[in-house]
Amino acid sequence: MNWKKRKNPGALSALFPLLLLSLFFFGGVVLGQVVLSRVPDATGEELRRYLTDYVHLDNQDATSARAVLSALVLYLRYPLLAFLLGFASVGVALLPCAALAFGFFLSYSVCCFTAAFGAGGVLLALSVSGIRCLVTLPCFFLLAVPSMENSAQLARASFGRGHRAAIAGRYGREWWLRFAASILALLAGMCVDLALSPHLLGLVLGQLAI
């Protein structure tokens, strides 16, 4: 019984950062839809031409050094930012902003495809970024939640309400193993993405005759 009582506070302390970051992420998703809905209809054809060129280029150039570097940035940017912000008290404010940006740009890109190609745009968006989202979203929250907790501890310590020794203990073996596992998952996902996405994109392009 006492064991359960000791465990519950830790679970509750992790639940609040998860809910907060999720709220900001979904807020970004909604914001992306709202922003695109305000784009004038006259830009629709220009958007369609741009995305048509983009998907064809992405399909033809998927294994080049430039494509690999671009994929590396796309896979690592938000999870790596979430991890690094766990070392700074300012992460309390910036981690929700990162979640908001993640949700916004993800939503905005998908909405761009649907605005340009209709229902087929959903398939195009999935072929371009579906695998990436399946990997980067869990890794982002896996790293962002403990980073949020650590940033909060650092913020409290900066105001004299926390102990530095207790904070140092939070960057232990579990912290680094979580980061290493996330990086391995991201790199594996990127390799699968680079191998499969061109084929998926080719199938979708063939069906839509773009």
N, C-alpha and C. Protein backbone atom coordinates (compact mmCIF):
# COMPACT_ATOMS: atom_id res chain seq x y z
N MET A 1 0.83 -1.20 0.00
CA MET A 1 0.00 0.00 0.00
C MET A 1 0.87 1.26 0.00
N ASN A 2 1.89 1.24 0.83
CA ASN A 2 2.80 2.38 0.87
C ASN A 2 3.56 2.53 -0.45
N TRP A 3 3.85 1.39 -1.08
CA TRP A 3 4.56 1.43 -2.37
C TRP A 3 3.72 2.17 -3.40
N LYS A 4 2.43 1.89 -3.45
CA LYS A 4 1.54 2.56 -4.39
C LYS A 4 1.47 4.05 -4.13
N LYS A 5 1.46 4.42 -2.89
CA LYS A 5 1.40 5.84 -2.55
C LYS A 5 2.66 6.56 -3.00
N ARG A 6 3.81 5.88 -2.91
CA ARG A 6 5.04 6.52 -3.34
C ARG A 6 5.11 6.64 -4.85
N LYS A 7 4.48 5.70 -5.57
CA LYS A 7 4.56 5.72 -7.02
C LYS A 7 3.61 6.70 -7.67
N ASN A 8 2.46 6.91 -7.09
CA ASN A 8 1.44 7.75 -7.71
C ASN A 8 1.87 9.19 -7.95
N PRO A 9 2.54 9.87 -7.00
CA PRO A 9 2.94 11.25 -7.25
C PRO A 9 3.83 11.41 -8.48
N GLY A 10 4.73 10.44 -8.73
CA GLY A 10 5.59 10.53 -9.91
C GLY A 10 4.79 10.43 -11.19
N ALA A 11 3.81 9.52 -11.20
CA ALA A 11 2.98 9.36 -12.39
C ALA A 11 2.17 10.62 -12.66
N LEU A 12 1.65 11.22 -11.58
CA LEU A 12 0.86 12.44 -11.75
C LEU A 12 1.73 13.60 -12.20
N SER A 13 2.97 13.66 -11.73
CA SER A 13 3.86 14.75 -12.12
C SER A 13 4.22 14.66 -13.60
N ALA A 14 4.28 13.43 -14.14
CA ALA A 14 4.57 13.27 -15.56
C ALA A 14 3.33 13.50 -16.42
N LEU A 15 2.14 13.31 -15.82
CA LEU A 15 0.91 13.46 -16.59
C LEU A 15 0.65 14.91 -16.97
N PHE A 16 0.95 15.85 -16.09
CA PHE A 16 0.69 17.25 -16.39
C PHE A 16 1.50 17.77 -17.58
N PRO A 17 2.84 17.54 -17.63
CA PRO A 17 3.59 17.97 -18.83
C PRO A 17 3.08 17.33 -20.11
N LEU A 18 2.69 16.05 -20.04
CA LEU A 18 2.17 15.37 -21.23
C LEU A 18 0.88 16.03 -21.71
N LEU A 19 -0.02 16.32 -20.78
CA LEU A 19 -1.28 16.97 -21.16
C LEU A 19 -1.04 18.38 -21.69
N LEU A 20 -0.14 19.10 -21.06
CA LEU A 20 0.16 20.47 -21.50
C LEU A 20 0.75 20.48 -22.90
N LEU A 21 1.74 19.63 -23.14
CA LEU A 21 2.38 19.58 -24.45
C LEU A 21 1.40 19.09 -25.52
N SER A 22 0.56 18.13 -25.16
CA SER A 22 -0.45 17.64 -26.11
C SER A 22 -1.44 18.74 -26.46
N LEU A 23 -1.81 19.54 -25.47
CA LEU A 23 -2.73 20.65 -25.71
C LEU A 23 -2.13 21.65 -26.69
N PHE A 24 -0.87 21.99 -26.50
CA PHE A 24 -0.21 22.93 -27.41
C PHE A 24 -0.05 22.32 -28.80
N PHE A 25 0.25 21.03 -28.86
CA PHE A 25 0.40 20.37 -30.16
C PHE A 25 -0.91 20.43 -30.95
N PHE A 26 -2.00 20.05 -30.32
CA PHE A 26 -3.28 20.07 -31.01
C PHE A 26 -3.75 21.50 -31.28
N GLY A 27 -3.34 22.43 -30.42
CA GLY A 27 -3.60 23.83 -30.72
C GLY A 27 -2.89 24.26 -32.00
N GLY A 28 -1.66 23.77 -32.19
CA GLY A 28 -0.93 24.07 -33.42
C GLY A 28 -1.60 23.45 -34.63
N VAL A 29 -2.16 22.24 -34.48
CA VAL A 29 -2.87 21.58 -35.57
C VAL A 29 -4.05 22.43 -36.02
N VAL A 30 -4.82 22.91 -35.05
CA VAL A 30 -5.98 23.75 -35.37
C VAL A 30 -5.53 25.06 -36.00
N LEU A 31 -4.47 25.65 -35.45
CA LEU A 31 -3.97 26.92 -35.99
C LEU A 31 -3.52 26.77 -37.44
N GLY A 32 -2.89 25.65 -37.78
CA GLY A 32 -2.47 25.42 -39.16
C GLY A 32 -3.64 25.39 -40.11
N GLN A 33 -4.75 24.79 -39.69
CA GLN A 33 -5.95 24.74 -40.53
C GLN A 33 -6.57 26.12 -40.68
N VAL A 34 -6.57 26.88 -39.59
CA VAL A 34 -7.16 28.22 -39.64
C VAL A 34 -6.35 29.13 -40.55
N VAL A 35 -5.02 29.07 -40.44
CA VAL A 35 -4.16 29.93 -41.27
C VAL A 35 -4.36 29.62 -42.75
N LEU A 36 -4.39 28.33 -43.10
CA LEU A 36 -4.55 27.98 -44.51
C LEU A 36 -5.92 28.37 -45.04
N SER A 37 -6.93 28.32 -44.20
CA SER A 37 -8.28 28.69 -44.65
C SER A 37 -8.38 30.16 -45.00
N ARG A 38 -7.44 30.96 -44.53
CA ARG A 38 -7.44 32.39 -44.82
C ARG A 38 -6.60 32.74 -46.05
N VAL A 39 -5.96 31.74 -46.66
CA VAL A 39 -5.19 31.99 -47.88
C VAL A 39 -6.16 32.23 -49.03
N PRO A 40 -5.97 33.28 -49.84
CA PRO A 40 -6.89 33.58 -50.94
C PRO A 40 -6.99 32.43 -51.93
N ASP A 41 -8.17 32.23 -52.50
CA ASP A 41 -8.39 31.15 -53.47
C ASP A 41 -7.53 31.32 -54.70
N ALA A 42 -7.13 32.54 -55.01
CA ALA A 42 -6.34 32.81 -56.21
C ALA A 42 -4.97 32.13 -56.15
N THR A 43 -4.52 31.83 -54.95
CA THR A 43 -3.20 31.19 -54.81
C THR A 43 -3.29 29.67 -54.95
N GLY A 44 -4.48 29.14 -55.11
CA GLY A 44 -4.65 27.69 -55.17
C GLY A 44 -3.91 27.04 -56.31
N GLU A 45 -3.98 27.61 -57.51
CA GLU A 45 -3.30 27.04 -58.66
C GLU A 45 -1.79 27.12 -58.52
N GLU A 46 -1.32 28.23 -57.96
CA GLU A 46 0.13 28.37 -57.71
C GLU A 46 0.59 27.32 -56.71
N LEU A 47 -0.20 27.10 -55.68
CA LEU A 47 0.13 26.09 -54.68
C LEU A 47 0.15 24.70 -55.31
N ARG A 48 -0.80 24.44 -56.18
CA ARG A 48 -0.86 23.14 -56.85
C ARG A 48 0.39 22.90 -57.70
N ARG A 49 0.81 23.92 -58.46
CA ARG A 49 2.00 23.78 -59.29
C ARG A 49 3.24 23.53 -58.44
N TYR A 50 3.35 24.27 -57.34
CA TYR A 50 4.51 24.11 -56.46
C TYR A 50 4.56 22.70 -55.87
N LEU A 51 3.42 22.21 -55.38
CA LEU A 51 3.40 20.90 -54.75
C LEU A 51 3.59 19.79 -55.78
N THR A 52 3.09 20.00 -56.99
CA THR A 52 3.30 19.01 -58.05
C THR A 52 4.79 18.87 -58.35
N ASP A 53 5.48 20.01 -58.47
CA ASP A 53 6.94 19.98 -58.69
C ASP A 53 7.65 19.35 -57.50
N TYR A 54 7.17 19.64 -56.31
CA TYR A 54 7.80 19.13 -55.09
C TYR A 54 7.72 17.61 -55.00
N VAL A 55 6.53 17.06 -55.23
CA VAL A 55 6.38 15.62 -55.07
C VAL A 55 7.13 14.86 -56.17
N HIS A 56 7.18 15.42 -57.37
CA HIS A 56 7.94 14.76 -58.43
C HIS A 56 9.43 14.81 -58.15
N LEU A 57 9.92 15.93 -57.65
CA LEU A 57 11.33 16.05 -57.29
C LEU A 57 11.67 15.12 -56.13
N ASP A 58 10.77 15.05 -55.15
CA ASP A 58 10.99 14.19 -53.99
C ASP A 58 11.03 12.72 -54.42
N ASN A 59 10.24 12.38 -55.42
CA ASN A 59 10.18 11.01 -55.91
C ASN A 59 11.44 10.63 -56.67
N GLN A 60 12.02 11.57 -57.40
CA GLN A 60 13.16 11.28 -58.25
C GLN A 60 14.50 11.39 -57.51
N ASP A 61 14.52 12.15 -56.43
CA ASP A 61 15.80 12.51 -55.79
C ASP A 61 15.88 11.98 -54.37
N ALA A 62 15.22 10.83 -54.11
CA ALA A 62 15.07 10.37 -52.73
C ALA A 62 16.34 9.83 -52.11
N THR A 63 17.29 9.39 -52.90
CA THR A 63 18.50 8.77 -52.35
C THR A 63 19.74 9.64 -52.48
N SER A 64 19.60 10.88 -52.90
CA SER A 64 20.75 11.76 -53.04
C SER A 64 21.22 12.22 -51.67
N ALA A 65 22.45 12.76 -51.63
CA ALA A 65 22.99 13.27 -50.37
C ALA A 65 22.13 14.41 -49.83
N ARG A 66 21.61 15.21 -50.73
CA ARG A 66 20.75 16.32 -50.30
C ARG A 66 19.46 15.79 -49.66
N ALA A 67 18.90 14.74 -50.23
CA ALA A 67 17.67 14.16 -49.67
C ALA A 67 17.94 13.55 -48.30
N VAL A 68 19.09 12.88 -48.14
CA VAL A 68 19.43 12.27 -46.86
C VAL A 68 19.62 13.35 -45.79
N LEU A 69 20.32 14.42 -46.14
CA LEU A 69 20.53 15.51 -45.19
C LEU A 69 19.21 16.17 -44.81
N SER A 70 18.36 16.37 -45.79
CA SER A 70 17.05 16.97 -45.53
C SER A 70 16.22 16.08 -44.61
N ALA A 71 16.25 14.76 -44.86
CA ALA A 71 15.51 13.82 -44.01
C ALA A 71 16.07 13.81 -42.60
N LEU A 72 17.38 13.91 -42.47
CA LEU A 72 18.01 13.93 -41.15
C LEU A 72 17.52 15.13 -40.34
N VAL A 73 17.46 16.29 -40.99
CA VAL A 73 16.97 17.49 -40.31
C VAL A 73 15.51 17.33 -39.92
N LEU A 74 14.70 16.83 -40.84
CA LEU A 74 13.27 16.68 -40.58
C LEU A 74 13.00 15.70 -39.44
N TYR A 75 13.80 14.66 -39.35
CA TYR A 75 13.60 13.66 -38.30
C TYR A 75 14.10 14.12 -36.93
N LEU A 76 15.21 14.84 -36.91
CA LEU A 76 15.86 15.15 -35.63
C LEU A 76 15.46 16.49 -35.02
N ARG A 77 14.94 17.42 -35.81
CA ARG A 77 14.81 18.79 -35.32
C ARG A 77 13.96 18.90 -34.06
N TYR A 78 12.76 18.39 -34.04
CA TYR A 78 11.90 18.55 -32.87
C TYR A 78 12.31 17.64 -31.70
N PRO A 79 12.57 16.35 -31.92
CA PRO A 79 13.03 15.53 -30.79
C PRO A 79 14.33 16.01 -30.17
N LEU A 80 15.30 16.41 -31.02
CA LEU A 80 16.57 16.89 -30.48
C LEU A 80 16.39 18.20 -29.73
N LEU A 81 15.55 19.07 -30.24
CA LEU A 81 15.27 20.33 -29.53
C LEU A 81 14.63 20.04 -28.18
N ALA A 82 13.70 19.09 -28.16
CA ALA A 82 13.03 18.72 -26.91
C ALA A 82 14.04 18.21 -25.89
N PHE A 83 14.99 17.42 -26.34
CA PHE A 83 16.01 16.88 -25.43
C PHE A 83 16.90 18.00 -24.89
N LEU A 84 17.38 18.86 -25.75
CA LEU A 84 18.30 19.92 -25.33
C LEU A 84 17.65 20.92 -24.39
N LEU A 85 16.38 21.18 -24.58
CA LEU A 85 15.69 22.13 -23.71
C LEU A 85 15.52 21.59 -22.28
N GLY A 86 15.75 20.30 -22.10
CA GLY A 86 15.70 19.73 -20.76
C GLY A 86 16.87 20.13 -19.90
N PHE A 87 17.87 20.79 -20.49
CA PHE A 87 19.03 21.26 -19.73
C PHE A 87 18.93 22.74 -19.36
N ALA A 88 17.81 23.39 -19.69
CA ALA A 88 17.67 24.84 -19.45
C ALA A 88 16.32 25.14 -18.82
N SER A 89 16.31 26.07 -17.88
CA SER A 89 15.05 26.45 -17.24
C SER A 89 14.08 27.09 -18.21
N VAL A 90 14.61 27.71 -19.28
CA VAL A 90 13.75 28.35 -20.27
C VAL A 90 12.93 27.31 -21.04
N GLY A 91 13.31 26.04 -20.92
CA GLY A 91 12.54 24.98 -21.57
C GLY A 91 11.10 24.92 -21.12
N VAL A 92 10.81 25.40 -19.91
CA VAL A 92 9.43 25.43 -19.42
C VAL A 92 8.55 26.22 -20.37
N ALA A 93 9.08 27.30 -20.93
CA ALA A 93 8.33 28.13 -21.87
C ALA A 93 8.50 27.68 -23.31
N LEU A 94 9.69 27.22 -23.67
CA LEU A 94 9.97 26.91 -25.07
C LEU A 94 9.46 25.54 -25.51
N LEU A 95 9.36 24.58 -24.60
CA LEU A 95 8.87 23.26 -24.98
C LEU A 95 7.41 23.31 -25.46
N PRO A 96 6.51 24.01 -24.76
CA PRO A 96 5.15 24.15 -25.33
C PRO A 96 5.16 24.85 -26.67
N CYS A 97 6.05 25.84 -26.86
CA CYS A 97 6.15 26.53 -28.15
C CYS A 97 6.61 25.56 -29.24
N ALA A 98 7.54 24.66 -28.90
CA ALA A 98 8.01 23.66 -29.86
C ALA A 98 6.88 22.71 -30.24
N ALA A 99 6.08 22.30 -29.25
CA ALA A 99 4.94 21.43 -29.54
C ALA A 99 3.92 22.14 -30.43
N LEU A 100 3.71 23.43 -30.16
CA LEU A 100 2.80 24.22 -30.99
C LEU A 100 3.30 24.31 -32.42
N ALA A 101 4.59 24.58 -32.60
CA ALA A 101 5.18 24.67 -33.93
C ALA A 101 5.11 23.33 -34.66
N PHE A 102 5.37 22.25 -33.95
CA PHE A 102 5.30 20.91 -34.52
C PHE A 102 3.90 20.65 -35.08
N GLY A 103 2.89 20.90 -34.26
CA GLY A 103 1.51 20.68 -34.69
C GLY A 103 1.11 21.60 -35.82
N PHE A 104 1.56 22.85 -35.77
CA PHE A 104 1.19 23.83 -36.80
C PHE A 104 1.74 23.43 -38.17
N PHE A 105 3.04 23.17 -38.25
CA PHE A 105 3.64 22.90 -39.55
C PHE A 105 3.20 21.55 -40.11
N LEU A 106 2.94 20.59 -39.23
CA LEU A 106 2.41 19.30 -39.69
C LEU A 106 1.02 19.49 -40.29
N SER A 107 0.16 20.19 -39.56
CA SER A 107 -1.20 20.43 -40.04
C SER A 107 -1.22 21.28 -41.29
N TYR A 108 -0.39 22.31 -41.33
CA TYR A 108 -0.37 23.22 -42.47
C TYR A 108 0.06 22.49 -43.74
N SER A 109 1.07 21.63 -43.63
CA SER A 109 1.55 20.91 -44.82
C SER A 109 0.49 19.96 -45.34
N VAL A 110 -0.19 19.24 -44.45
CA VAL A 110 -1.24 18.32 -44.88
C VAL A 110 -2.39 19.09 -45.52
N CYS A 111 -2.75 20.21 -44.91
CA CYS A 111 -3.84 21.02 -45.46
C CYS A 111 -3.48 21.62 -46.82
N CYS A 112 -2.20 21.92 -47.03
CA CYS A 112 -1.76 22.41 -48.34
C CYS A 112 -2.01 21.36 -49.41
N PHE A 113 -1.70 20.10 -49.11
CA PHE A 113 -1.92 19.03 -50.07
C PHE A 113 -3.41 18.85 -50.36
N THR A 114 -4.23 18.87 -49.31
CA THR A 114 -5.66 18.68 -49.54
C THR A 114 -6.27 19.87 -50.26
N ALA A 115 -5.77 21.08 -49.99
CA ALA A 115 -6.28 22.26 -50.69
C ALA A 115 -5.93 22.23 -52.16
N ALA A 116 -4.77 21.66 -52.49
CA ALA A 116 -4.31 21.63 -53.88
C ALA A 116 -4.86 20.45 -54.67
N PHE A 117 -5.01 19.29 -54.01
CA PHE A 117 -5.38 18.07 -54.74
C PHE A 117 -6.66 17.42 -54.24
N GLY A 118 -7.36 18.04 -53.33
CA GLY A 118 -8.59 17.46 -52.82
C GLY A 118 -8.33 16.26 -51.94
N ALA A 119 -9.24 15.27 -52.00
CA ALA A 119 -9.11 14.09 -51.16
C ALA A 119 -7.81 13.33 -51.45
N GLY A 120 -7.36 13.36 -52.70
CA GLY A 120 -6.10 12.69 -53.03
C GLY A 120 -4.90 13.30 -52.35
N GLY A 121 -5.04 14.55 -51.92
CA GLY A 121 -3.94 15.20 -51.22
C GLY A 121 -3.60 14.53 -49.90
N VAL A 122 -4.60 13.90 -49.28
CA VAL A 122 -4.34 13.19 -48.03
C VAL A 122 -3.39 12.03 -48.27
N LEU A 123 -3.61 11.29 -49.36
CA LEU A 123 -2.72 10.18 -49.70
C LEU A 123 -1.32 10.68 -50.03
N LEU A 124 -1.25 11.80 -50.74
CA LEU A 124 0.06 12.38 -51.05
C LEU A 124 0.79 12.77 -49.77
N ALA A 125 0.07 13.43 -48.86
CA ALA A 125 0.69 13.85 -47.60
C ALA A 125 1.17 12.64 -46.80
N LEU A 126 0.37 11.57 -46.79
CA LEU A 126 0.77 10.36 -46.06
C LEU A 126 2.00 9.72 -46.68
N SER A 127 2.07 9.71 -48.02
CA SER A 127 3.22 9.10 -48.67
C SER A 127 4.49 9.91 -48.46
N VAL A 128 4.35 11.23 -48.32
CA VAL A 128 5.51 12.10 -48.13
C VAL A 128 5.96 12.12 -46.68
N SER A 129 5.01 12.21 -45.74
CA SER A 129 5.40 12.42 -44.34
C SER A 129 4.75 11.45 -43.35
N GLY A 130 4.04 10.44 -43.83
CA GLY A 130 3.36 9.53 -42.91
C GLY A 130 4.32 8.74 -42.04
N ILE A 131 5.34 8.13 -42.66
CA ILE A 131 6.30 7.33 -41.89
C ILE A 131 7.04 8.21 -40.90
N ARG A 132 7.41 9.41 -41.36
CA ARG A 132 8.14 10.33 -40.47
C ARG A 132 7.32 10.68 -39.23
N CYS A 133 6.05 10.95 -39.42
CA CYS A 133 5.20 11.33 -38.28
C CYS A 133 5.03 10.16 -37.30
N LEU A 134 4.94 8.94 -37.83
CA LEU A 134 4.80 7.77 -36.96
C LEU A 134 5.99 7.60 -36.03
N VAL A 135 7.15 8.09 -36.46
CA VAL A 135 8.37 7.94 -35.65
C VAL A 135 8.65 9.19 -34.82
N THR A 136 8.57 10.36 -35.46
CA THR A 136 8.98 11.59 -34.77
C THR A 136 8.02 12.01 -33.66
N LEU A 137 6.72 11.79 -33.85
CA LEU A 137 5.76 12.21 -32.82
C LEU A 137 5.98 11.48 -31.49
N PRO A 138 6.04 10.13 -31.48
CA PRO A 138 6.30 9.47 -30.19
C PRO A 138 7.65 9.85 -29.58
N CYS A 139 8.68 9.97 -30.43
CA CYS A 139 10.01 10.33 -29.91
C CYS A 139 10.01 11.74 -29.33
N PHE A 140 9.29 12.64 -29.97
CA PHE A 140 9.23 14.01 -29.45
C PHE A 140 8.63 14.02 -28.05
N PHE A 141 7.49 13.38 -27.87
CA PHE A 141 6.84 13.40 -26.56
C PHE A 141 7.61 12.58 -25.54
N LEU A 142 8.26 11.49 -26.00
CA LEU A 142 9.07 10.69 -25.09
C LEU A 142 10.21 11.51 -24.49
N LEU A 143 10.77 12.42 -25.27
CA LEU A 143 11.86 13.26 -24.79
C LEU A 143 11.36 14.55 -24.16
N ALA A 144 10.26 15.09 -24.67
CA ALA A 144 9.78 16.40 -24.21
C ALA A 144 9.20 16.35 -22.80
N VAL A 145 8.52 15.26 -22.45
CA VAL A 145 7.89 15.19 -21.12
C VAL A 145 8.92 15.22 -20.00
N PRO A 146 9.94 14.34 -19.99
CA PRO A 146 10.96 14.46 -18.93
C PRO A 146 11.75 15.76 -19.02
N SER A 147 11.95 16.27 -20.23
CA SER A 147 12.64 17.56 -20.36
C SER A 147 11.83 18.67 -19.70
N MET A 148 10.53 18.61 -19.85
CA MET A 148 9.66 19.60 -19.22
C MET A 148 9.77 19.53 -17.70
N GLU A 149 9.81 18.32 -17.18
CA GLU A 149 9.95 18.14 -15.73
C GLU A 149 11.29 18.69 -15.24
N ASN A 150 12.37 18.38 -15.98
CA ASN A 150 13.70 18.85 -15.59
C ASN A 150 13.80 20.37 -15.69
N SER A 151 13.21 20.95 -16.73
CA SER A 151 13.23 22.40 -16.88
C SER A 151 12.49 23.08 -15.74
N ALA A 152 11.38 22.47 -15.33
CA ALA A 152 10.62 23.03 -14.21
C ALA A 152 11.44 22.99 -12.93
N GLN A 153 12.18 21.89 -12.74
CA GLN A 153 13.04 21.79 -11.56
C GLN A 153 14.14 22.85 -11.60
N LEU A 154 14.73 23.05 -12.76
CA LEU A 154 15.77 24.07 -12.90
C LEU A 154 15.20 25.47 -12.66
N ALA A 155 13.99 25.71 -13.13
CA ALA A 155 13.36 27.02 -12.92
C ALA A 155 13.10 27.26 -11.44
N ARG A 156 12.63 26.21 -10.75
CA ARG A 156 12.40 26.36 -9.31
C ARG A 156 13.71 26.59 -8.57
N ALA A 157 14.78 25.89 -8.99
CA ALA A 157 16.07 26.06 -8.33
C ALA A 157 16.62 27.46 -8.55
N SER A 158 16.36 28.03 -9.72
CA SER A 158 16.86 29.38 -10.00
C SER A 158 16.20 30.43 -9.12
N PHE A 159 15.01 30.10 -8.60
CA PHE A 159 14.32 31.00 -7.69
C PHE A 159 14.48 30.57 -6.24
N GLY A 160 15.41 29.63 -5.99
CA GLY A 160 15.69 29.20 -4.64
C GLY A 160 14.68 28.25 -4.06
N ARG A 161 13.89 27.59 -4.92
CA ARG A 161 12.86 26.67 -4.44
C ARG A 161 13.18 25.22 -4.75
N GLY A 162 14.39 24.95 -5.18
CA GLY A 162 14.77 23.57 -5.49
C GLY A 162 16.21 23.32 -5.10
N HIS A 163 16.61 22.08 -5.16
CA HIS A 163 17.97 21.69 -4.77
C HIS A 163 18.74 21.21 -5.99
N ARG A 164 19.91 21.75 -6.21
CA ARG A 164 20.72 21.39 -7.37
C ARG A 164 21.11 19.92 -7.36
N ALA A 165 21.34 19.37 -6.17
CA ALA A 165 21.73 17.96 -6.09
C ALA A 165 20.62 17.06 -6.61
N ALA A 166 19.37 17.39 -6.28
CA ALA A 166 18.24 16.60 -6.74
C ALA A 166 18.09 16.71 -8.25
N ILE A 167 18.38 17.89 -8.80
CA ILE A 167 18.27 18.10 -10.24
C ILE A 167 19.33 17.29 -10.98
N ALA A 168 20.55 17.30 -10.47
CA ALA A 168 21.64 16.55 -11.11
C ALA A 168 21.30 15.06 -11.21
N GLY A 169 20.58 14.55 -10.21
CA GLY A 169 20.20 13.15 -10.22
C GLY A 169 19.21 12.78 -11.31
N ARG A 170 18.56 13.76 -11.91
CA ARG A 170 17.57 13.50 -12.95
C ARG A 170 18.24 13.20 -14.29
N TYR A 171 19.51 13.56 -14.45
CA TYR A 171 20.23 13.30 -15.70
C TYR A 171 21.06 12.03 -15.57
N GLY A 172 20.41 10.98 -15.16
CA GLY A 172 21.11 9.73 -14.94
C GLY A 172 21.03 8.78 -16.12
N ARG A 173 21.18 7.50 -15.82
CA ARG A 173 21.24 6.48 -16.86
C ARG A 173 19.95 6.42 -17.67
N GLU A 174 18.81 6.53 -16.99
CA GLU A 174 17.52 6.46 -17.69
C GLU A 174 17.38 7.59 -18.70
N TRP A 175 17.83 8.79 -18.31
CA TRP A 175 17.75 9.96 -19.19
C TRP A 175 18.52 9.73 -20.49
N TRP A 176 19.75 9.22 -20.38
CA TRP A 176 20.59 9.02 -21.56
C TRP A 176 20.16 7.81 -22.37
N LEU A 177 19.65 6.76 -21.71
CA LEU A 177 19.14 5.61 -22.45
C LEU A 177 17.91 5.97 -23.26
N ARG A 178 17.05 6.80 -22.69
CA ARG A 178 15.87 7.26 -23.42
C ARG A 178 16.27 8.04 -24.66
N PHE A 179 17.28 8.90 -24.50
CA PHE A 179 17.76 9.69 -25.64
C PHE A 179 18.37 8.79 -26.71
N ALA A 180 19.21 7.83 -26.29
CA ALA A 180 19.86 6.93 -27.24
C ALA A 180 18.83 6.09 -27.99
N ALA A 181 17.82 5.58 -27.27
CA ALA A 181 16.78 4.78 -27.91
C ALA A 181 15.99 5.61 -28.92
N SER A 182 15.72 6.86 -28.58
CA SER A 182 14.98 7.74 -29.48
C SER A 182 15.78 8.03 -30.75
N ILE A 183 17.08 8.30 -30.60
CA ILE A 183 17.93 8.56 -31.76
C ILE A 183 18.00 7.34 -32.67
N LEU A 184 18.14 6.17 -32.08
CA LEU A 184 18.19 4.95 -32.89
C LEU A 184 16.87 4.73 -33.64
N ALA A 185 15.76 4.99 -32.95
CA ALA A 185 14.45 4.84 -33.59
C ALA A 185 14.29 5.86 -34.72
N LEU A 186 14.74 7.07 -34.50
CA LEU A 186 14.63 8.11 -35.53
C LEU A 186 15.48 7.78 -36.75
N LEU A 187 16.70 7.31 -36.53
CA LEU A 187 17.58 6.96 -37.65
C LEU A 187 17.04 5.75 -38.42
N ALA A 188 16.51 4.78 -37.68
CA ALA A 188 15.92 3.61 -38.34
C ALA A 188 14.70 4.02 -39.16
N GLY A 189 13.87 4.88 -38.57
CA GLY A 189 12.69 5.36 -39.29
C GLY A 189 13.07 6.14 -40.53
N MET A 190 14.14 6.93 -40.43
CA MET A 190 14.59 7.70 -41.59
C MET A 190 15.05 6.77 -42.72
N CYS A 191 15.77 5.71 -42.37
CA CYS A 191 16.24 4.76 -43.40
C CYS A 191 15.05 4.07 -44.07
N VAL A 192 14.07 3.66 -43.28
CA VAL A 192 12.87 3.03 -43.84
C VAL A 192 12.13 4.02 -44.72
N ASP A 193 12.04 5.25 -44.26
CA ASP A 193 11.36 6.30 -45.02
C ASP A 193 12.02 6.52 -46.38
N LEU A 194 13.33 6.65 -46.37
CA LEU A 194 14.06 6.88 -47.63
C LEU A 194 13.93 5.69 -48.58
N ALA A 195 13.78 4.50 -48.03
CA ALA A 195 13.66 3.31 -48.86
C ALA A 195 12.24 3.12 -49.41
N LEU A 196 11.22 3.43 -48.60
CA LEU A 196 9.85 3.12 -48.99
C LEU A 196 9.08 4.29 -49.58
N SER A 197 9.34 5.49 -49.09
CA SER A 197 8.53 6.65 -49.50
C SER A 197 8.51 6.88 -51.01
N PRO A 198 9.65 6.75 -51.72
CA PRO A 198 9.60 6.94 -53.18
C PRO A 198 8.63 5.99 -53.87
N HIS A 199 8.59 4.73 -53.39
CA HIS A 199 7.68 3.75 -53.98
C HIS A 199 6.23 4.08 -53.64
N LEU A 200 5.97 4.45 -52.40
CA LEU A 200 4.62 4.83 -52.01
C LEU A 200 4.16 6.07 -52.78
N LEU A 201 5.07 7.03 -52.90
CA LEU A 201 4.75 8.26 -53.62
C LEU A 201 4.49 7.97 -55.09
N GLY A 202 5.29 7.07 -55.68
CA GLY A 202 5.08 6.70 -57.08
C GLY A 202 3.72 6.07 -57.30
N LEU A 203 3.30 5.21 -56.35
CA LEU A 203 1.99 4.57 -56.46
C LEU A 203 0.87 5.60 -56.40
N VAL A 204 0.99 6.53 -55.46
CA VAL A 204 -0.05 7.56 -55.31
C VAL A 204 -0.09 8.46 -56.55
N LEU A 205 1.07 8.85 -57.04
CA LEU A 205 1.12 9.70 -58.23
C LEU A 205 0.49 8.99 -59.43
N GLY A 206 0.73 7.67 -59.52
CA GLY A 206 0.13 6.92 -60.61
C GLY A 206 -1.38 6.88 -60.52
N GLN A 207 -1.88 6.75 -59.29
CA GLN A 207 -3.34 6.71 -59.09
C GLN A 207 -3.99 8.04 -59.36
N LEU A 208 -3.30 9.12 -58.98
CA LEU A 208 -3.89 10.45 -59.15
C LEU A 208 -3.58 11.06 -60.52
N ALA A 209 -2.63 10.47 -61.24
CA ALA A 209 -2.24 10.96 -62.57
C ALA A 209 -1.85 12.44 -62.52
N ILE A 210 -0.99 12.78 -61.55
CA ILE A 210 -0.52 14.17 -61.39
C ILE A 210 0.71 14.39 -62.27
